[in-house]
Protein backbone atom coordinates (compact mmCIF):
# COMPACT_ATOMS: atom_id res chain seq x y z
CA UNK A 1 109.93 -71.67 -34.11
CA UNK A 2 111.87 -74.92 -34.06
CA UNK A 3 115.64 -74.68 -33.45
CA UNK A 4 117.80 -77.21 -35.05
CA UNK A 5 120.84 -78.71 -33.49
CA UNK A 6 122.82 -78.63 -36.79
CA UNK A 7 124.53 -75.80 -38.06
CA UNK A 8 126.82 -75.22 -41.13
CA UNK A 9 130.03 -75.20 -38.97
CA UNK A 10 128.88 -78.30 -37.23
CA UNK A 11 128.22 -80.10 -40.40
CA UNK A 12 131.70 -79.05 -41.90
CA UNK A 13 133.27 -80.47 -38.65
CA UNK A 14 131.46 -83.69 -39.09
CA UNK A 15 132.39 -84.10 -42.75
CA UNK A 16 136.11 -83.21 -41.92
CA UNK A 17 136.07 -86.18 -39.49
CA UNK A 18 134.79 -88.65 -42.31
CA UNK A 19 137.75 -87.74 -44.63
CA UNK A 20 139.12 -90.58 -46.67
CA UNK A 21 136.69 -92.91 -44.79
CA UNK A 22 134.13 -95.28 -46.29
CA UNK A 23 130.67 -93.52 -46.11
CA UNK A 24 127.13 -94.38 -46.87
CA UNK A 25 125.15 -91.48 -48.61
CA UNK A 26 121.45 -91.35 -48.68
CA UNK A 27 119.86 -88.87 -51.17
CA UNK A 28 116.34 -87.69 -51.07
CA UNK A 29 115.19 -87.10 -54.66
CA UNK A 30 111.65 -85.87 -53.57
CA UNK A 31 108.20 -87.71 -54.05
CA UNK A 32 109.20 -90.66 -51.78
CA UNK A 33 112.34 -91.46 -54.05
CA UNK A 34 115.75 -92.28 -52.34
CA UNK A 35 119.01 -93.40 -53.76
CA UNK A 36 121.62 -95.00 -51.48
CA UNK A 37 125.20 -95.74 -52.26
CA UNK A 38 128.58 -96.50 -50.58
CA UNK A 39 131.73 -94.60 -51.42
CA UNK A 40 134.74 -92.72 -49.97
CA UNK A 41 134.86 -89.07 -49.02
CA UNK A 42 137.68 -87.78 -50.86
CA UNK A 43 137.41 -83.96 -51.27
CA UNK A 44 136.49 -81.32 -48.83
CA UNK A 45 136.15 -77.80 -49.99
CA UNK A 46 134.95 -74.42 -48.53
CA UNK A 47 131.36 -74.78 -50.00
CA UNK A 48 130.99 -78.54 -50.79
CA UNK A 49 132.44 -81.89 -50.46
CA UNK A 50 132.86 -84.87 -52.79
CA UNK A 51 132.25 -88.71 -52.62
CA UNK A 52 133.83 -91.30 -55.00
CA UNK A 53 131.26 -94.01 -55.24
CA UNK A 54 132.39 -97.61 -54.89
CA UNK A 55 130.38 -98.59 -57.94
CA UNK A 56 132.13 -97.47 -61.07
CA UNK A 57 128.77 -97.45 -62.95
CA UNK A 58 127.16 -95.00 -60.64
CA UNK A 59 125.76 -92.13 -62.70
CA UNK A 60 124.33 -89.87 -60.04
CA UNK A 61 125.60 -86.67 -58.38
CA UNK A 62 128.89 -86.95 -56.33
CA UNK A 63 129.34 -83.37 -55.13
CA UNK A 64 127.13 -82.07 -52.36
CA UNK A 65 126.91 -78.52 -50.55
CA UNK A 66 126.80 -78.56 -46.76
CA UNK A 67 123.44 -76.85 -46.95
CA UNK A 68 122.11 -80.11 -48.61
CA UNK A 69 122.66 -81.84 -45.26
CA UNK A 70 121.03 -79.01 -43.30
CA UNK A 71 118.03 -79.00 -45.51
CA UNK A 72 117.68 -82.97 -45.10
CA UNK A 73 118.31 -83.76 -48.98
CA UNK A 74 121.54 -85.61 -48.22
CA UNK A 75 122.47 -87.89 -45.21
CA UNK A 76 125.90 -89.22 -44.85
CA UNK A 77 127.09 -91.76 -42.28
CA UNK A 78 130.54 -93.45 -41.74
CA UNK A 79 130.62 -97.12 -42.25
CA UNK A 80 133.02 -99.79 -41.04
CA UNK A 81 136.17 -100.28 -43.26
CA UNK A 82 135.96 -103.49 -45.25
């Protein structure tokens, strides 16, 4: 069995450190389809977090659960402020 280094608690701590910071979100939609967008992480809740996209015309999903990061469907990285 392969042990992962990530845990839900570790992911929550990482997300809390990104609060109100500009982030880059990469979504894996399956079948080699990816969506990448820039935004600001502005909401942290017990079971999910929200990202406000910089592009006002973005029509995708902007609320993600911590388990989506654990499963690899969502990647989030801090980026330098502009």
